[in-house]
């Protein structure tokens, strides 16, 4: 219903946000394929708009999916991209993915560019 409303009201950034939230729920339930579909759908909306927050949220979800599938797999390129993007939008307080990213990557690894 919420996705349909965002689509009907032509609020694509909100639609991307809700798709990412659905993907987070899927991830939490272990439905990795569904989580990936939601992340990709959110990114398909956010990228053409260059909506940095929605892109970060979708790519962070994709990173979490990659790490859930194989904790030893490197996702260094995505993490480097996310770090760069994070510092472009950092002032957004209250966004769970930003706090989670900051805690997992920025604070844990400082400025060394490592991944979680």
PDB file of N, CA and C in Angstrom:
ATOM      1  N   UNK A   1       0.821  -1.197   0.000  1.00  0.00           N
ATOM      2  CA  UNK A   1       0.000   0.000   0.000  1.00  0.00           C
ATOM      3  C   UNK A   1       0.864   1.260   0.000  1.00  0.00           C
ATOM      4  N   UNK A   2       1.869   1.305   0.889  1.00  0.00           N
ATOM      5  CA  UNK A   2       2.726   2.488   0.976  1.00  0.00           C
ATOM      6  C   UNK A   2       3.510   2.691  -0.314  1.00  0.00           C
ATOM      7  N   UNK A   3       4.006   1.601  -0.888  1.00  0.00           N
ATOM      8  CA  UNK A   3       4.733   1.714  -2.158  1.00  0.00           C
ATOM      9  C   UNK A   3       3.830   2.233  -3.268  1.00  0.00           C
ATOM     10  N   UNK A   4       2.613   1.719  -3.318  1.00  0.00           N
ATOM     11  CA  UNK A   4       1.659   2.166  -4.338  1.00  0.00           C
ATOM     12  C   UNK A   4       1.351   3.650  -4.153  1.00  0.00           C
ATOM     13  N   UNK A   5       1.187   4.094  -2.910  1.00  0.00           N
ATOM     14  CA  UNK A   5       0.910   5.498  -2.631  1.00  0.00           C
ATOM     15  C   UNK A   5       2.068   6.384  -3.099  1.00  0.00           C
ATOM     16  N   UNK A   6       3.308   5.985  -2.773  1.00  0.00           N
ATOM     17  CA  UNK A   6       4.476   6.763  -3.210  1.00  0.00           C
ATOM     18  C   UNK A   6       4.541   6.815  -4.733  1.00  0.00           C
ATOM     19  N   UNK A   7       4.256   5.699  -5.383  1.00  0.00           N
ATOM     20  CA  UNK A   7       4.264   5.649  -6.844  1.00  0.00           C
ATOM     21  C   UNK A   7       3.151   6.527  -7.404  1.00  0.00           C
ATOM     22  N   UNK A   8       1.951   6.427  -6.842  1.00  0.00           N
ATOM     23  CA  UNK A   8       0.809   7.204  -7.327  1.00  0.00           C
ATOM     24  C   UNK A   8       1.010   8.703  -7.121  1.00  0.00           C
ATOM     25  N   UNK A   9       1.674   9.071  -6.032  1.00  0.00           N
ATOM     26  CA  UNK A   9       1.914  10.484  -5.739  1.00  0.00           C
ATOM     27  C   UNK A   9       3.179  11.006  -6.416  1.00  0.00           C
ATOM     28  N   UNK A  10       3.839  10.140  -7.170  1.00  0.00           N
ATOM     29  CA  UNK A  10       5.073  10.503  -7.867  1.00  0.00           C
ATOM     30  C   UNK A  10       6.126  11.046  -6.905  1.00  0.00           C
ATOM     31  N   UNK A  11       6.406  10.257  -5.861  1.00  0.00           N
ATOM     32  CA  UNK A  11       7.453  10.601  -4.893  1.00  0.00           C
ATOM     33  C   UNK A  11       8.495   9.477  -4.959  1.00  0.00           C
ATOM     34  N   UNK A  12       9.338   9.507  -5.987  1.00  0.00           N
ATOM     35  CA  UNK A  12      10.249   8.385  -6.197  1.00  0.00           C
ATOM     36  C   UNK A  12      11.255   8.163  -5.068  1.00  0.00           C
ATOM     37  N   UNK A  13      11.757   9.217  -4.444  1.00  0.00           N
ATOM     38  CA  UNK A  13      12.722   9.030  -3.352  1.00  0.00           C
ATOM     39  C   UNK A  13      12.071   8.285  -2.187  1.00  0.00           C
ATOM     40  N   UNK A  14      10.823   8.577  -1.923  1.00  0.00           N
ATOM     41  CA  UNK A  14      10.099   7.878  -0.861  1.00  0.00           C
ATOM     42  C   UNK A  14       9.862   6.421  -1.247  1.00  0.00           C
ATOM     43  N   UNK A  15       9.540   6.202  -2.492  1.00  0.00           N
ATOM     44  CA  UNK A  15       9.355   4.836  -2.989  1.00  0.00           C
ATOM     45  C   UNK A  15      10.658   4.043  -2.824  1.00  0.00           C
ATOM     46  N   UNK A  16      11.788   4.633  -3.181  1.00  0.00           N
ATOM     47  CA  UNK A  16      13.088   3.971  -3.021  1.00  0.00           C
ATOM     48  C   UNK A  16      13.365   3.682  -1.551  1.00  0.00           C
ATOM     49  N   UNK A  17      13.028   4.618  -0.694  1.00  0.00           N
ATOM     50  CA  UNK A  17      13.235   4.436   0.742  1.00  0.00           C
ATOM     51  C   UNK A  17      12.435   3.249   1.268  1.00  0.00           C
ATOM     52  N   UNK A  18      11.189   3.149   0.859  1.00  0.00           N
ATOM     53  CA  UNK A  18      10.349   2.047   1.337  1.00  0.00           C
ATOM     54  C   UNK A  18      10.808   0.708   0.771  1.00  0.00           C
ATOM     55  N   UNK A  19      11.292   0.723  -0.462  1.00  0.00           N
ATOM     56  CA  UNK A  19      11.832  -0.515  -1.032  1.00  0.00           C
ATOM     57  C   UNK A  19      13.041  -0.989  -0.221  1.00  0.00           C
ATOM     58  N   UNK A  20      13.879  -0.042   0.182  1.00  0.00           N
ATOM     59  CA  UNK A  20      15.040  -0.400   1.004  1.00  0.00           C
ATOM     60  C   UNK A  20      14.588  -0.944   2.357  1.00  0.00           C
ATOM     61  N   UNK A  21      13.585  -0.325   2.938  1.00  0.00           N
ATOM     62  CA  UNK A  21      13.072  -0.829   4.218  1.00  0.00           C
ATOM     63  C   UNK A  21      12.542  -2.253   4.079  1.00  0.00           C
ATOM     64  N   UNK A  22      11.819  -2.518   2.994  1.00  0.00           N
ATOM     65  CA  UNK A  22      11.337  -3.880   2.752  1.00  0.00           C
ATOM     66  C   UNK A  22      12.520  -4.837   2.602  1.00  0.00           C
ATOM     67  N   UNK A  23      13.560  -4.383   1.922  1.00  0.00           N
ATOM     68  CA  UNK A  23      14.757  -5.204   1.776  1.00  0.00           C
ATOM     69  C   UNK A  23      15.428  -5.492   3.112  1.00  0.00           C
ATOM     70  N   UNK A  24      15.435  -4.508   4.000  1.00  0.00           N
ATOM     71  CA  UNK A  24      16.011  -4.721   5.337  1.00  0.00           C
ATOM     72  C   UNK A  24      15.198  -5.773   6.095  1.00  0.00           C
ATOM     73  N   UNK A  25      13.877  -5.705   5.960  1.00  0.00           N
ATOM     74  CA  UNK A  25      13.027  -6.717   6.595  1.00  0.00           C
ATOM     75  C   UNK A  25      13.309  -8.105   6.021  1.00  0.00           C
ATOM     76  N   UNK A  26      13.434  -8.179   4.706  1.00  0.00           N
ATOM     77  CA  UNK A  26      13.767  -9.451   4.066  1.00  0.00           C
ATOM     78  C   UNK A  26      15.105  -9.975   4.574  1.00  0.00           C
ATOM     79  N   UNK A  27      16.085  -9.105   4.653  1.00  0.00           N
ATOM     80  CA  UNK A  27      17.406  -9.501   5.140  1.00  0.00           C
ATOM     81  C   UNK A  27      17.318 -10.054   6.553  1.00  0.00           C
ATOM     82  N   UNK A  28      16.564  -9.381   7.391  1.00  0.00           N
ATOM     83  CA  UNK A  28      16.387  -9.828   8.770  1.00  0.00           C
ATOM     84  C   UNK A  28      15.733 -11.191   8.881  1.00  0.00           C
ATOM     85  N   UNK A  29      14.917 -11.529   7.887  1.00  0.00           N
ATOM     86  CA  UNK A  29      14.232 -12.819   7.857  1.00  0.00           C
ATOM     87  C   UNK A  29      15.020 -13.871   7.074  1.00  0.00           C
ATOM     88  N   UNK A  30      16.185 -13.478   6.566  1.00  0.00           N
ATOM     89  CA  UNK A  30      17.013 -14.422   5.823  1.00  0.00           C
ATOM     90  C   UNK A  30      16.606 -14.634   4.383  1.00  0.00           C
ATOM     91  N   UNK A  31      15.741 -13.768   3.864  1.00  0.00           N
ATOM     92  CA  UNK A  31      15.295 -13.874   2.466  1.00  0.00           C
ATOM     93  C   UNK A  31      16.211 -13.004   1.594  1.00  0.00           C
ATOM     94  N   UNK A  32      17.391 -13.526   1.311  1.00  0.00           N
ATOM     95  CA  UNK A  32      18.416 -12.733   0.648  1.00  0.00           C
ATOM     96  C   UNK A  32      18.047 -12.356  -0.788  1.00  0.00           C
ATOM     97  N   UNK A  33      17.416 -13.258  -1.509  1.00  0.00           N
ATOM     98  CA  UNK A  33      17.034 -12.942  -2.892  1.00  0.00           C
ATOM     99  C   UNK A  33      15.998 -11.816  -2.920  1.00  0.00           C
ATOM    100  N   UNK A  34      15.034 -11.881  -2.034  1.00  0.00           N
ATOM    101  CA  UNK A  34      14.018 -10.822  -1.962  1.00  0.00           C
ATOM    102  C   UNK A  34      14.658  -9.503  -1.526  1.00  0.00           C
ATOM    103  N   UNK A  35      15.574  -9.561  -0.576  1.00  0.00           N
ATOM    104  CA  UNK A  35      16.271  -8.354  -0.127  1.00  0.00           C
ATOM    105  C   UNK A  35      17.040  -7.733  -1.282  1.00  0.00           C
ATOM    106  N   UNK A  36      17.689  -8.572  -2.067  1.00  0.00           N
ATOM    107  CA  UNK A  36      18.459  -8.067  -3.205  1.00  0.00           C
ATOM    108  C   UNK A  36      17.540  -7.456  -4.267  1.00  0.00           C
ATOM    109  N   UNK A  37      16.400  -8.075  -4.520  1.00  0.00           N
ATOM    110  CA  UNK A  37      15.438  -7.496  -5.476  1.00  0.00           C
ATOM    111  C   UNK A  37      14.978  -6.111  -5.009  1.00  0.00           C
ATOM    112  N   UNK A  38      14.684  -5.986  -3.718  1.00  0.00           N
ATOM    113  CA  UNK A  38      14.248  -4.683  -3.197  1.00  0.00           C
ATOM    114  C   UNK A  38      15.372  -3.655  -3.270  1.00  0.00           C
ATOM    115  N   UNK A  39      16.596  -4.053  -2.939  1.00  0.00           N
ATOM    116  CA  UNK A  39      17.730  -3.124  -3.018  1.00  0.00           C
ATOM    117  C   UNK A  39      17.934  -2.660  -4.451  1.00  0.00           C
ATOM    118  N   UNK A  40      17.900  -3.587  -5.382  1.00  0.00           N
ATOM    119  CA  UNK A  40      18.103  -3.235  -6.794  1.00  0.00           C
ATOM    120  C   UNK A  40      16.980  -2.338  -7.319  1.00  0.00           C
ATOM    121  N   UNK A  41      15.752  -2.613  -6.906  1.00  0.00           N
ATOM    122  CA  UNK A  41      14.623  -1.770  -7.325  1.00  0.00           C
ATOM    123  C   UNK A  41      14.771  -0.357  -6.761  1.00  0.00           C
ATOM    124  N   UNK A  42      15.196  -0.265  -5.503  1.00  0.00           N
ATOM    125  CA  UNK A  42      15.408   1.058  -4.889  1.00  0.00           C
ATOM    126  C   UNK A  42      16.503   1.817  -5.624  1.00  0.00           C
ATOM    127  N   UNK A  43      17.580   1.125  -5.954  1.00  0.00           N
ATOM    128  CA  UNK A  43      18.691   1.777  -6.653  1.00  0.00           C
ATOM    129  C   UNK A  43      18.306   2.182  -8.070  1.00  0.00           C
ATOM    130  N   UNK A  44      17.456   1.410  -8.710  1.00  0.00           N
ATOM    131  CA  UNK A  44      16.995   1.759 -10.058  1.00  0.00           C
ATOM    132  C   UNK A  44      16.210   3.070 -10.050  1.00  0.00           C
ATOM    133  N   UNK A  45      15.580   3.359  -8.936  1.00  0.00           N
ATOM    134  CA  UNK A  45      14.846   4.624  -8.787  1.00  0.00           C
ATOM    135  C   UNK A  45      15.790   5.743  -8.363  1.00  0.00           C
ATOM    136  N   UNK A  46      16.669   5.462  -7.402  1.00  0.00           N
ATOM    137  CA  UNK A  46      17.508   6.500  -6.792  1.00  0.00           C
ATOM    138  C   UNK A  46      18.636   6.990  -7.694  1.00  0.00           C
ATOM    139  N   UNK A  47      19.243   6.089  -8.446  1.00  0.00           N
ATOM    140  CA  UNK A  47      20.412   6.492  -9.257  1.00  0.00           C
ATOM    141  C   UNK A  47      20.085   7.553 -10.301  1.00  0.00           C
ATOM    142  N   UNK A  48      19.022   7.387 -11.098  1.00  0.00           N
ATOM    143  CA  UNK A  48      18.740   8.435 -12.085  1.00  0.00           C
ATOM    144  C   UNK A  48      18.448   9.796 -11.440  1.00  0.00           C
ATOM    145  N   UNK A  49      17.954   9.769 -10.214  1.00  0.00           N
ATOM    146  CA  UNK A  49      17.665  11.013  -9.497  1.00  0.00           C
ATOM    147  C   UNK A  49      18.912  11.580  -8.826  1.00  0.00           C
ATOM    148  N   UNK A  50      19.975  10.781  -8.768  1.00  0.00           N
ATOM    149  CA  UNK A  50      21.185  11.110  -8.019  1.00  0.00           C
ATOM    150  C   UNK A  50      20.841  11.473  -6.572  1.00  0.00           C
ATOM    151  N   UNK A  51      19.903  10.707  -6.001  1.00  0.00           N
ATOM    152  CA  UNK A  51      19.478  10.909  -4.619  1.00  0.00           C
ATOM    153  C   UNK A  51      20.468  10.164  -3.717  1.00  0.00           C
ATOM    154  N   UNK A  52      21.437  10.896  -3.203  1.00  0.00           N
ATOM    155  CA  UNK A  52      22.568  10.296  -2.505  1.00  0.00           C
ATOM    156  C   UNK A  52      22.167   9.462  -1.288  1.00  0.00           C
ATOM    157  N   UNK A  53      21.229   9.937  -0.519  1.00  0.00           N
ATOM    158  CA  UNK A  53      20.805   9.181   0.659  1.00  0.00           C
ATOM    159  C   UNK A  53      20.155   7.857   0.254  1.00  0.00           C
ATOM    160  N   UNK A  54      19.289   7.890  -0.733  1.00  0.00           N
ATOM    161  CA  UNK A  54      18.631   6.655  -1.183  1.00  0.00           C
ATOM    162  C   UNK A  54      19.646   5.698  -1.803  1.00  0.00           C
ATOM    163  N   UNK A  55      20.637   6.231  -2.507  1.00  0.00           N
ATOM    164  CA  UNK A  55      21.688   5.389  -3.073  1.00  0.00           C
ATOM    165  C   UNK A  55      22.497   4.746  -1.959  1.00  0.00           C
ATOM    166  N   UNK A  56      22.876   5.524  -0.954  1.00  0.00           N
ATOM    167  CA  UNK A  56      23.636   4.959   0.166  1.00  0.00           C
ATOM    168  C   UNK A  56      22.836   3.860   0.850  1.00  0.00           C
ATOM    169  N   UNK A  57      21.582   4.097   1.079  1.00  0.00           N
ATOM    170  CA  UNK A  57      20.754   3.100   1.762  1.00  0.00           C
ATOM    171  C   UNK A  57      20.665   1.802   0.950  1.00  0.00           C
ATOM    172  N   UNK A  58      20.451   1.924  -0.356  1.00  0.00           N
ATOM    173  CA  UNK A  58      20.362   0.744  -1.204  1.00  0.00           C
ATOM    174  C   UNK A  58      21.685  -0.002  -1.316  1.00  0.00           C
ATOM    175  N   UNK A  59      22.776   0.738  -1.471  1.00  0.00           N
ATOM    176  CA  UNK A  59      24.093   0.096  -1.579  1.00  0.00           C
ATOM    177  C   UNK A  59      24.530  -0.506  -0.247  1.00  0.00           C
ATOM    178  N   UNK A  60      24.169   0.119   0.863  1.00  0.00           N
ATOM    179  CA  UNK A  60      24.490  -0.450   2.171  1.00  0.00           C
ATOM    180  C   UNK A  60      23.737  -1.768   2.367  1.00  0.00           C
ATOM    181  N   UNK A  61      22.488  -1.800   1.927  1.00  0.00           N
ATOM    182  CA  UNK A  61      21.724  -3.045   1.983  1.00  0.00           C
ATOM    183  C   UNK A  61      22.400  -4.106   1.119  1.00  0.00           C
ATOM    184  N   UNK A  62      22.828  -3.737  -0.091  1.00  0.00           N
ATOM    185  CA  UNK A  62      23.513  -4.700  -0.948  1.00  0.00           C
ATOM    186  C   UNK A  62      24.799  -5.205  -0.292  1.00  0.00           C
ATOM    187  N   UNK A  63      25.518  -4.328   0.386  1.00  0.00           N
ATOM    188  CA  UNK A  63      26.733  -4.744   1.099  1.00  0.00           C
ATOM    189  C   UNK A  63      26.391  -5.764   2.189  1.00  0.00           C
ATOM    190  N   UNK A  64      25.346  -5.494   2.929  1.00  0.00           N
ATOM    191  CA  UNK A  64      24.947  -6.422   3.989  1.00  0.00           C
ATOM    192  C   UNK A  64      24.550  -7.781   3.419  1.00  0.00           C
ATOM    193  N   UNK A  65      23.918  -7.786   2.268  1.00  0.00           N
ATOM    194  CA  UNK A  65      23.536  -9.039   1.614  1.00  0.00           C
ATOM    195  C   UNK A  65      24.789  -9.817   1.210  1.00  0.00           C
ATOM    196  N   UNK A  66      25.743  -9.116   0.598  1.00  0.00           N
ATOM    197  CA  UNK A  66      27.001  -9.755   0.195  1.00  0.00           C
ATOM    198  C   UNK A  66      27.687 -10.381   1.402  1.00  0.00           C
ATOM    199  N   UNK A  67      27.764  -9.638   2.499  1.00  0.00           N
ATOM    200  CA  UNK A  67      28.450 -10.136   3.694  1.00  0.00           C
ATOM    201  C   UNK A  67      27.666 -11.269   4.356  1.00  0.00           C
ATOM    202  N   UNK A  68      26.357 -11.256   4.254  1.00  0.00           N
ATOM    203  CA  UNK A  68      25.554 -12.348   4.811  1.00  0.00           C
ATOM    204  C   UNK A  68      25.787 -13.629   4.015  1.00  0.00           C
ATOM    205  N   UNK A  69      25.896 -13.485   2.694  1.00  0.00           N
ATOM    206  CA  UNK A  69      26.129 -14.655   1.847  1.00  0.00           C
ATOM    207  C   UNK A  69      27.514 -15.250   2.079  1.00  0.00           C
ATOM    208  N   UNK A  70      28.508 -14.388   2.209  1.00  0.00           N
ATOM    209  CA  UNK A  70      29.884 -14.853   2.396  1.00  0.00           C
ATOM    210  C   UNK A  70      30.635 -13.823   3.226  1.00  0.00           C
ATOM    211  N   UNK A  71      30.713 -14.039   4.544  1.00  0.00           N
ATOM    212  CA  UNK A  71      31.371 -13.063   5.419  1.00  0.00           C
ATOM    213  C   UNK A  71      32.835 -12.791   5.068  1.00  0.00           C
ATOM    214  N   UNK A  72      33.487 -13.720   4.366  1.00  0.00           N
ATOM    215  CA  UNK A  72      34.896 -13.540   4.019  1.00  0.00           C
ATOM    216  C   UNK A  72      35.105 -12.835   2.682  1.00  0.00           C
ATOM    217  N   UNK A  73      34.031 -12.635   1.941  1.00  0.00           N
ATOM    218  CA  UNK A  73      34.138 -12.022   0.626  1.00  0.00           C
ATOM    219  C   UNK A  73      34.423 -10.524   0.769  1.00  0.00           C
ATOM    220  N   UNK A  74      35.368 -10.046  -0.007  1.00  0.00           N
ATOM    221  CA  UNK A  74      35.690  -8.619   0.016  1.00  0.00           C
ATOM    222  C   UNK A  74      34.635  -7.836  -0.767  1.00  0.00           C
ATOM    223  N   UNK A  75      34.224  -6.738  -0.225  1.00  0.00           N
ATOM    224  CA  UNK A  75      33.297  -5.826  -0.904  1.00  0.00           C
ATOM    225  C   UNK A  75      33.909  -4.428  -0.828  1.00  0.00           C
ATOM    226  N   UNK A  76      35.225  -4.399  -0.972  1.00  0.00           N
ATOM    227  CA  UNK A  76      36.025  -3.189  -0.753  1.00  0.00           C
ATOM    228  C   UNK A  76      35.608  -2.021  -1.649  1.00  0.00           C
ATOM    229  N   UNK A  77      35.310  -2.304  -2.924  1.00  0.00           N
ATOM    230  CA  UNK A  77      34.927  -1.217  -3.831  1.00  0.00           C
ATOM    231  C   UNK A  77      33.634  -0.550  -3.391  1.00  0.00           C
ATOM    232  N   UNK A  78      32.662  -1.361  -3.004  1.00  0.00           N
ATOM    233  CA  UNK A  78      31.386  -0.792  -2.568  1.00  0.00           C
ATOM    234  C   UNK A  78      31.578   0.018  -1.288  1.00  0.00           C
ATOM    235  N   UNK A  79      32.382  -0.513  -0.363  1.00  0.00           N
ATOM    236  CA  UNK A  79      32.608   0.196   0.904  1.00  0.00           C
ATOM    237  C   UNK A  79      33.310   1.526   0.646  1.00  0.00           C
ATOM    238  N   UNK A  80      34.273   1.542  -0.257  1.00  0.00           N
ATOM    239  CA  UNK A  80      34.953   2.797  -0.592  1.00  0.00           C
ATOM    240  C   UNK A  80      33.968   3.797  -1.191  1.00  0.00           C
ATOM    241  N   UNK A  81      33.090   3.311  -2.077  1.00  0.00           N
ATOM    242  CA  UNK A  81      32.064   4.170  -2.657  1.00  0.00           C
ATOM    243  C   UNK A  81      31.121   4.699  -1.576  1.00  0.00           C
ATOM    244  N   UNK A  82      30.721   3.826  -0.653  1.00  0.00           N
ATOM    245  CA  UNK A  82      29.818   4.215   0.429  1.00  0.00           C
ATOM    246  C   UNK A  82      30.458   5.250   1.349  1.00  0.00           C
ATOM    247  N   UNK A  83      31.751   5.075   1.648  1.00  0.00           N
ATOM    248  CA  UNK A  83      32.448   6.058   2.492  1.00  0.00           C
ATOM    249  C   UNK A  83      32.411   7.445   1.843  1.00  0.00           C
ATOM    250  N   UNK A  84      32.726   7.482   0.551  1.00  0.00           N
ATOM    251  CA  UNK A  84      32.728   8.756  -0.176  1.00  0.00           C
ATOM    252  C   UNK A  84      31.336   9.379  -0.148  1.00  0.00           C
ATOM    253  N   UNK A  85      30.336   8.569  -0.426  1.00  0.00           N
ATOM    254  CA  UNK A  85      28.958   9.043  -0.431  1.00  0.00           C
ATOM    255  C   UNK A  85      28.526   9.507   0.953  1.00  0.00           C
ATOM    256  N   UNK A  86      28.913   8.753   1.974  1.00  0.00           N
ATOM    257  CA  UNK A  86      28.558   9.092   3.354  1.00  0.00           C
ATOM    258  C   UNK A  86      29.024  10.501   3.702  1.00  0.00           C
ATOM    259  N   UNK A  87      30.254  10.830   3.352  1.00  0.00           N
ATOM    260  CA  UNK A  87      30.782  12.145   3.716  1.00  0.00           C
ATOM    261  C   UNK A  87      30.143  13.271   2.916  1.00  0.00           C
ATOM    262  N   UNK A  88      29.461  12.943   1.836  1.00  0.00           N
ATOM    263  CA  UNK A  88      28.712  13.951   1.083  1.00  0.00           C
ATOM    264  C   UNK A  88      27.359  14.240   1.720  1.00  0.00           C
ATOM    265  N   UNK A  89      26.835  13.284   2.510  1.00  0.00           N
ATOM    266  CA  UNK A  89      25.496  13.459   3.080  1.00  0.00           C
ATOM    267  C   UNK A  89      25.478  13.343   4.592  1.00  0.00           C
ATOM    268  N   UNK A  90      26.617  13.273   5.224  1.00  0.00           N
ATOM    269  CA  UNK A  90      26.748  13.017   6.655  1.00  0.00           C
ATOM    270  C   UNK A  90      25.787  13.778   7.566  1.00  0.00           C
ATOM    271  N   UNK A  91      25.425  15.025   7.317  1.00  0.00           N
ATOM    272  CA  UNK A  91      24.591  15.745   8.289  1.00  0.00           C
ATOM    273  C   UNK A  91      23.212  15.157   8.571  1.00  0.00           C
ATOM    274  N   UNK A  92      22.770  14.149   7.829  1.00  0.00           N
ATOM    275  CA  UNK A  92      21.461  13.567   8.053  1.00  0.00           C
ATOM    276  C   UNK A  92      21.453  12.764   9.350  1.00  0.00           C
ATOM    277  N   UNK A  93      20.884  13.305  10.394  1.00  0.00           N
ATOM    278  CA  UNK A  93      20.740  12.563  11.642  1.00  0.00           C
ATOM    279  C   UNK A  93      19.422  11.811  11.616  1.00  0.00           C
ATOM    280  N   UNK A  94      19.359  10.744  12.361  1.00  0.00           N
ATOM    281  CA  UNK A  94      18.122  10.003  12.487  1.00  0.00           C
ATOM    282  C   UNK A  94      17.874   8.991  11.384  1.00  0.00           C
ATOM    283  N   UNK A  95      18.831   8.798  10.492  1.00  0.00           N
ATOM    284  CA  UNK A  95      18.683   7.798   9.441  1.00  0.00           C
ATOM    285  C   UNK A  95      19.437   6.561   9.902  1.00  0.00           C
ATOM    286  N   UNK A  96      18.690   5.486  10.142  1.00  0.00           N
ATOM    287  CA  UNK A  96      19.281   4.273  10.712  1.00  0.00           C
ATOM    288  C   UNK A  96      20.482   3.773   9.925  1.00  0.00           C
ATOM    289  N   UNK A  97      20.375   3.723   8.596  1.00  0.00           N
ATOM    290  CA  UNK A  97      21.470   3.204   7.792  1.00  0.00           C
ATOM    291  C   UNK A  97      22.733   4.054   7.944  1.00  0.00           C
ATOM    292  N   UNK A  98      22.584   5.373   8.092  1.00  0.00           N
ATOM    293  CA  UNK A  98      23.756   6.219   8.268  1.00  0.00           C
ATOM    294  C   UNK A  98      24.427   5.947   9.609  1.00  0.00           C
ATOM    295  N   UNK A  99      23.629   5.810  10.648  1.00  0.00           N
ATOM    296  CA  UNK A  99      24.198   5.491  11.968  1.00  0.00           C
ATOM    297  C   UNK A  99      24.875   4.129  11.939  1.00  0.00           C
ATOM    298  N   UNK A 100      24.204   3.169  11.325  1.00  0.00           N
ATOM    299  CA  UNK A 100      24.754   1.811  11.231  1.00  0.00           C
ATOM    300  C   UNK A 100      26.046   1.815  10.423  1.00  0.00           C
ATOM    301  N   UNK A 101      26.054   2.515   9.300  1.00  0.00           N
ATOM    302  CA  UNK A 101      27.254   2.595   8.470  1.00  0.00           C
ATOM    303  C   UNK A 101      28.380   3.281   9.227  1.00  0.00           C
ATOM    304  N   UNK A 102      28.074   4.388   9.875  1.00  0.00           N
ATOM    305  CA  UNK A 102      29.086   5.118  10.643  1.00  0.00           C
ATOM    306  C   UNK A 102      29.693   4.219  11.711  1.00  0.00           C
ATOM    307  N   UNK A 103      28.860   3.482  12.411  1.00  0.00           N
ATOM    308  CA  UNK A 103      29.344   2.592  13.461  1.00  0.00           C
ATOM    309  C   UNK A 103      30.166   1.432  12.895  1.00  0.00           C
ATOM    310  N   UNK A 104      29.683   0.819  11.815  1.00  0.00           N
ATOM    311  CA  UNK A 104      30.333  -0.369  11.268  1.00  0.00           C
ATOM    312  C   UNK A 104      31.599  -0.057  10.487  1.00  0.00           C
ATOM    313  N   UNK A 105      31.640   1.087   9.832  1.00  0.00           N
ATOM    314  CA  UNK A 105      32.758   1.360   8.935  1.00  0.00           C
ATOM    315  C   UNK A 105      33.592   2.554   9.386  1.00  0.00           C
ATOM    316  N   UNK A 106      32.964   3.682   9.588  1.00  0.00           N
ATOM    317  CA  UNK A 106      33.709   4.906   9.875  1.00  0.00           C
ATOM    318  C   UNK A 106      34.354   4.851  11.259  1.00  0.00           C
ATOM    319  N   UNK A 107      33.568   4.583  12.289  1.00  0.00           N
ATOM    320  CA  UNK A 107      34.104   4.603  13.646  1.00  0.00           C
ATOM    321  C   UNK A 107      35.001   3.404  13.929  1.00  0.00           C
ATOM    322  N   UNK A 108      34.621   2.234  13.433  1.00  0.00           N
ATOM    323  CA  UNK A 108      35.396   1.028  13.705  1.00  0.00           C
ATOM    324  C   UNK A 108      36.751   1.072  13.012  1.00  0.00           C
ATOM    325  N   UNK A 109      36.768   1.583  11.782  1.00  0.00           N
ATOM    326  CA  UNK A 109      37.979   1.531  10.991  1.00  0.00           C
ATOM    327  C   UNK A 109      38.614   2.903  10.781  1.00  0.00           C
ATOM    328  N   UNK A 110      38.037   3.938  11.321  1.00  0.00           N
ATOM    329  CA  UNK A 110      38.596   5.264  11.149  1.00  0.00           C
ATOM    330  C   UNK A 110      38.672   5.639   9.683  1.00  0.00           C
ATOM    331  N   UNK A 111      39.772   6.187   9.285  1.00  0.00           N
ATOM    332  CA  UNK A 111      39.939   6.627   7.904  1.00  0.00           C
ATOM    333  C   UNK A 111      40.773   5.665   7.078  1.00  0.00           C
ATOM    334  N   UNK A 112      40.894   4.425   7.497  1.00  0.00           N
ATOM    335  CA  UNK A 112      41.756   3.503   6.781  1.00  0.00           C
ATOM    336  C   UNK A 112      41.114   2.885   5.555  1.00  0.00           C
ATOM    337  N   UNK A 113      39.783   3.034   5.374  1.00  0.00           N
ATOM    338  CA  UNK A 113      39.125   2.527   4.187  1.00  0.00           C
ATOM    339  C   UNK A 113      38.801   1.050   4.247  1.00  0.00           C
ATOM    340  N   UNK A 114      38.799   0.463   5.429  1.00  0.00           N
ATOM    341  CA  UNK A 114      38.475  -0.953   5.548  1.00  0.00           C
ATOM    342  C   UNK A 114      36.984  -1.152   5.468  1.00  0.00           C
ATOM    343  N   UNK A 115      36.590  -2.389   5.380  1.00  0.00           N
ATOM    344  CA  UNK A 115      35.177  -2.719   5.311  1.00  0.00           C
ATOM    345  C   UNK A 115      34.752  -3.497   6.545  1.00  0.00           C
ATOM    346  N   UNK A 116      33.446  -3.556   6.723  1.00  0.00           N
ATOM    347  CA  UNK A 116      32.938  -4.339   7.845  1.00  0.00           C
ATOM    348  C   UNK A 116      32.788  -5.771   7.447  1.00  0.00           C
TER     349      UNK A 116
END
